[in-house]
Amino acid sequence: MRIKNVIVLAVLCSLVLGVFGYEYSWAKSEKEISSVKVGVISIRGVFENSKRNAQWQDEMERHRKQIVGELEKQSAVIKAVRADMETRKPDSVDYLNLMREMMEKAGSLEAKEKFHQQDLAMKEQRWTEKLYLDMAKAVAKVAKSQGLDIVLAKDENQFPAATANELMMIIKTSKIMYSRDELDITDEVVKVLDNK
């Protein structure tokens, strides 16, 4: 009987200690969670304020203008061939030769336009990916230097939305409704990013 009482008492003591230990550990974890240091960043703000991005955009704009100039020259050649066709009889050999030349040049122009459009889109995508990855590294550097535990992306939404679908997308993807201005590290990230 005594052994049974001792065993019951030992089980009860371990349960009591377990409950107190669990509550103590829960209280401790709540305290640890409340001391998490948070920062926020505007990704759009980084892209809009980065000098590196502005320089790249300027280069791309010069490149686009050069391409447009080349395509306009080719278009002018096609117009000249078309004008020459109008001086010929529609059933003549010269007219048919000029028609073939015009159609070949028009096909070539269309192919070049499509190529340049896709090429520019791919370059824009690659640049955006590279800048985003560099931005992520800059965020980590700033977060470590400021002792932040987590950095959240907060972007300003532009209203009114163009469509109902766009509005729903904004609502679904907006996760941070408010943050104090002191938590924003966007400017510091831009400085680190531009100094690379």
Protein backbone atom coordinates (compact mmCIF):
# COMPACT_ATOMS: atom_id res chain seq x y z
CA MET A 1 0.00 0.00 0.00
CA ARG A 2 2.80 2.35 0.89
CA ILE A 3 4.56 1.80 -2.42
CA LYS A 4 1.32 2.49 -4.24
CA ASN A 5 0.92 5.78 -2.32
CA VAL A 6 4.50 6.76 -3.05
CA ILE A 7 4.01 6.04 -6.77
CA VAL A 8 0.74 8.04 -6.87
CA LEU A 9 2.44 10.90 -5.02
CA ALA A 10 5.39 10.83 -7.44
CA VAL A 11 3.05 10.88 -10.46
CA LEU A 12 1.08 13.80 -8.98
CA CYS A 13 4.29 15.72 -8.24
CA SER A 14 5.58 15.19 -11.78
CA LEU A 15 2.22 16.35 -13.19
CA VAL A 16 2.28 19.48 -11.04
CA LEU A 17 5.89 20.21 -12.02
CA GLY A 18 5.06 19.52 -15.68
CA VAL A 19 2.14 21.96 -15.64
CA PHE A 20 4.23 24.69 -13.97
CA GLY A 21 7.12 24.01 -16.34
CA TYR A 22 4.82 24.18 -19.37
CA GLU A 23 3.28 27.47 -18.21
CA TYR A 24 6.74 28.89 -17.50
CA SER A 25 8.02 27.89 -20.94
CA TRP A 26 4.87 29.33 -22.59
CA ALA A 27 5.34 32.61 -20.73
CA LYS A 28 8.98 32.68 -21.75
CA SER A 29 8.17 32.06 -25.43
CA GLU A 30 5.53 34.82 -25.34
CA LYS A 31 8.17 37.17 -23.95
CA GLU A 32 10.64 36.17 -26.67
CA ILE A 33 8.05 36.69 -29.41
CA SER A 34 7.16 40.15 -28.17
CA SER A 35 10.79 41.27 -28.42
CA VAL A 36 11.11 40.52 -32.15
CA LYS A 37 12.46 43.54 -34.03
CA VAL A 38 10.64 44.23 -37.30
CA GLY A 39 11.43 46.41 -40.29
CA VAL A 40 9.39 47.18 -43.38
CA ILE A 41 10.43 48.01 -46.91
CA SER A 42 8.71 49.35 -50.00
CA ILE A 43 9.89 47.27 -52.94
CA ARG A 44 8.38 49.78 -55.36
CA GLY A 45 10.20 52.54 -53.45
CA VAL A 46 13.52 50.73 -53.89
CA PHE A 47 12.95 50.29 -57.63
CA GLU A 48 11.80 53.91 -58.09
CA ASN A 49 14.57 55.51 -56.00
CA SER A 50 17.55 53.34 -56.94
CA LYS A 51 20.17 55.17 -59.01
CA ARG A 52 21.32 51.83 -60.42
CA ASN A 53 17.82 51.13 -61.70
CA ALA A 54 17.50 54.67 -63.12
CA GLN A 55 20.82 54.28 -65.00
CA TRP A 56 19.73 50.95 -66.41
CA GLN A 57 16.35 52.37 -67.46
CA ASP A 58 18.16 55.26 -69.22
CA GLU A 59 20.39 52.78 -71.07
CA MET A 60 17.37 50.74 -72.11
CA GLU A 61 15.57 53.87 -73.32
CA ARG A 62 18.57 54.78 -75.53
CA HIS A 63 18.62 51.21 -76.83
CA ARG A 64 14.86 51.34 -77.57
CA LYS A 65 15.28 54.62 -79.48
CA GLN A 66 18.10 53.11 -81.53
CA ILE A 67 15.93 50.11 -82.40
CA VAL A 68 12.98 52.35 -83.31
CA GLY A 69 15.29 54.39 -85.56
CA GLU A 70 16.46 51.26 -87.38
CA LEU A 71 12.91 49.97 -87.80
CA GLU A 72 11.74 53.35 -89.10
CA LYS A 73 14.52 53.31 -91.72
CA GLN A 74 13.41 49.88 -92.88
CA SER A 75 9.79 51.07 -92.95
CA ALA A 76 10.83 54.05 -95.10
CA VAL A 77 12.50 51.66 -97.57
CA ILE A 78 9.26 49.63 -97.77
CA LYS A 79 7.27 52.82 -98.45
CA ALA A 80 9.73 53.77 -101.21
CA VAL A 81 9.36 50.34 -102.83
CA ARG A 82 5.55 50.64 -102.58
CA ALA A 83 5.70 54.10 -104.18
CA ASP A 84 7.87 52.68 -106.97
CA MET A 85 5.31 49.90 -107.47
CA GLU A 86 2.60 52.47 -108.07
CA THR A 87 4.53 53.83 -111.04
CA ARG A 88 4.48 50.40 -112.71
CA LYS A 89 1.79 48.53 -114.52
CA PRO A 90 0.21 45.94 -112.18
CA ASP A 91 0.77 43.09 -114.63
CA SER A 92 4.39 43.94 -115.47
CA VAL A 93 7.44 41.92 -114.41
CA ASP A 94 8.90 45.00 -112.66
CA TYR A 95 5.70 45.42 -110.63
CA LEU A 96 5.76 41.75 -109.53
CA ASN A 97 9.47 41.95 -108.64
CA LEU A 98 8.86 45.09 -106.57
CA MET A 99 5.85 43.44 -104.89
CA ARG A 100 7.99 40.45 -103.91
CA GLU A 101 10.73 42.77 -102.61
CA MET A 102 8.20 44.82 -100.64
CA MET A 103 6.58 41.73 -99.11
CA GLU A 104 9.97 40.25 -98.16
CA LYS A 105 11.04 43.52 -96.54
CA ALA A 106 7.67 43.86 -94.75
CA GLY A 107 7.98 40.28 -93.44
CA SER A 108 11.53 40.99 -92.31
CA LEU A 109 10.38 44.21 -90.59
CA GLU A 110 7.58 42.38 -88.76
CA ALA A 111 9.98 39.65 -87.64
CA LYS A 112 12.49 42.23 -86.38
CA GLU A 113 9.75 44.10 -84.48
CA LYS A 114 8.65 40.88 -82.75
CA PHE A 115 12.24 39.90 -82.00
CA HIS A 116 13.11 43.27 -80.47
CA GLN A 117 9.90 43.29 -78.45
CA GLN A 118 10.70 39.87 -76.95
CA ASP A 119 14.39 40.74 -76.52
CA LEU A 120 13.58 43.92 -74.60
CA ALA A 121 11.03 42.08 -72.44
CA MET A 122 13.61 39.39 -71.59
CA LYS A 123 16.25 42.00 -70.75
CA GLU A 124 13.74 43.82 -68.53
CA GLN A 125 12.90 40.54 -66.76
CA ARG A 126 16.56 39.59 -66.23
CA TRP A 127 17.36 43.05 -64.89
CA THR A 128 14.39 43.01 -62.53
CA GLU A 129 15.41 39.56 -61.24
CA LYS A 130 19.01 40.70 -60.70
CA LEU A 131 17.99 43.92 -58.98
CA TYR A 132 15.51 42.05 -56.77
CA LEU A 133 18.18 39.52 -55.70
CA ASP A 134 20.65 42.34 -55.00
CA MET A 135 17.91 44.14 -53.07
CA ALA A 136 17.32 41.02 -50.97
CA LYS A 137 21.04 40.96 -50.08
CA ALA A 138 20.92 44.68 -49.24
CA VAL A 139 17.86 44.10 -47.04
CA ALA A 140 19.72 41.34 -45.17
CA LYS A 141 22.74 43.61 -44.69
CA VAL A 142 20.65 46.51 -43.37
CA ALA A 143 18.57 44.18 -41.18
CA LYS A 144 21.69 42.69 -39.61
CA SER A 145 23.27 46.10 -39.04
CA GLN A 146 20.08 47.35 -37.32
CA GLY A 147 19.50 44.13 -35.36
CA LEU A 148 16.20 43.36 -37.07
CA ASP A 149 14.76 39.87 -36.86
CA ILE A 150 12.35 40.16 -39.78
CA VAL A 151 11.70 42.57 -42.67
CA LEU A 152 8.28 42.71 -44.30
CA ALA A 153 7.43 44.15 -47.71
CA LYS A 154 4.87 46.91 -47.62
CA ASP A 155 3.92 48.63 -50.83
CA GLU A 156 1.64 51.57 -51.31
CA ASN A 157 -1.35 50.62 -53.42
CA GLN A 158 -2.50 52.94 -56.15
CA PHE A 159 -6.18 53.75 -56.22
CA PRO A 160 -8.49 53.80 -57.99
CA ALA A 161 -7.75 50.38 -59.44
CA ALA A 162 -8.06 50.05 -63.21
CA THR A 163 -10.37 47.04 -63.04
CA ALA A 164 -12.34 45.06 -60.48
CA ASN A 165 -9.89 42.16 -60.93
CA GLU A 166 -6.95 44.46 -60.20
CA LEU A 167 -8.72 45.75 -57.09
CA MET A 168 -9.29 42.20 -55.84
CA MET A 169 -5.64 41.35 -56.52
CA ILE A 170 -4.53 44.39 -54.49
CA ILE A 171 -6.80 43.40 -51.61
CA LYS A 172 -5.65 39.77 -51.66
CA THR A 173 -1.93 40.57 -51.82
CA SER A 174 -1.80 43.47 -49.35
CA LYS A 175 -0.67 41.94 -46.08
CA ILE A 176 0.51 44.95 -44.10
CA MET A 177 -2.21 47.48 -43.43
CA TYR A 178 -0.17 49.76 -41.18
CA SER A 179 3.34 50.24 -39.89
CA ARG A 180 5.07 53.08 -38.09
CA ASP A 181 7.33 55.22 -40.25
CA GLU A 182 10.28 54.44 -37.96
CA LEU A 183 10.18 50.80 -39.07
CA ASP A 184 10.77 51.67 -42.74
CA ILE A 185 14.28 50.81 -43.97
CA THR A 186 13.68 51.54 -47.68
CA ASP A 187 16.12 54.48 -47.87
CA GLU A 188 18.89 52.53 -46.16
CA VAL A 189 18.40 49.61 -48.54
CA VAL A 190 18.57 51.94 -51.57
CA LYS A 191 21.87 53.36 -50.28
CA VAL A 192 23.38 49.88 -49.86
CA LEU A 193 22.04 48.76 -53.24
CA ASP A 194 23.42 51.79 -55.08
CA ASN A 195 26.83 51.46 -53.42
CA LYS A 196 27.32 47.96 -54.86
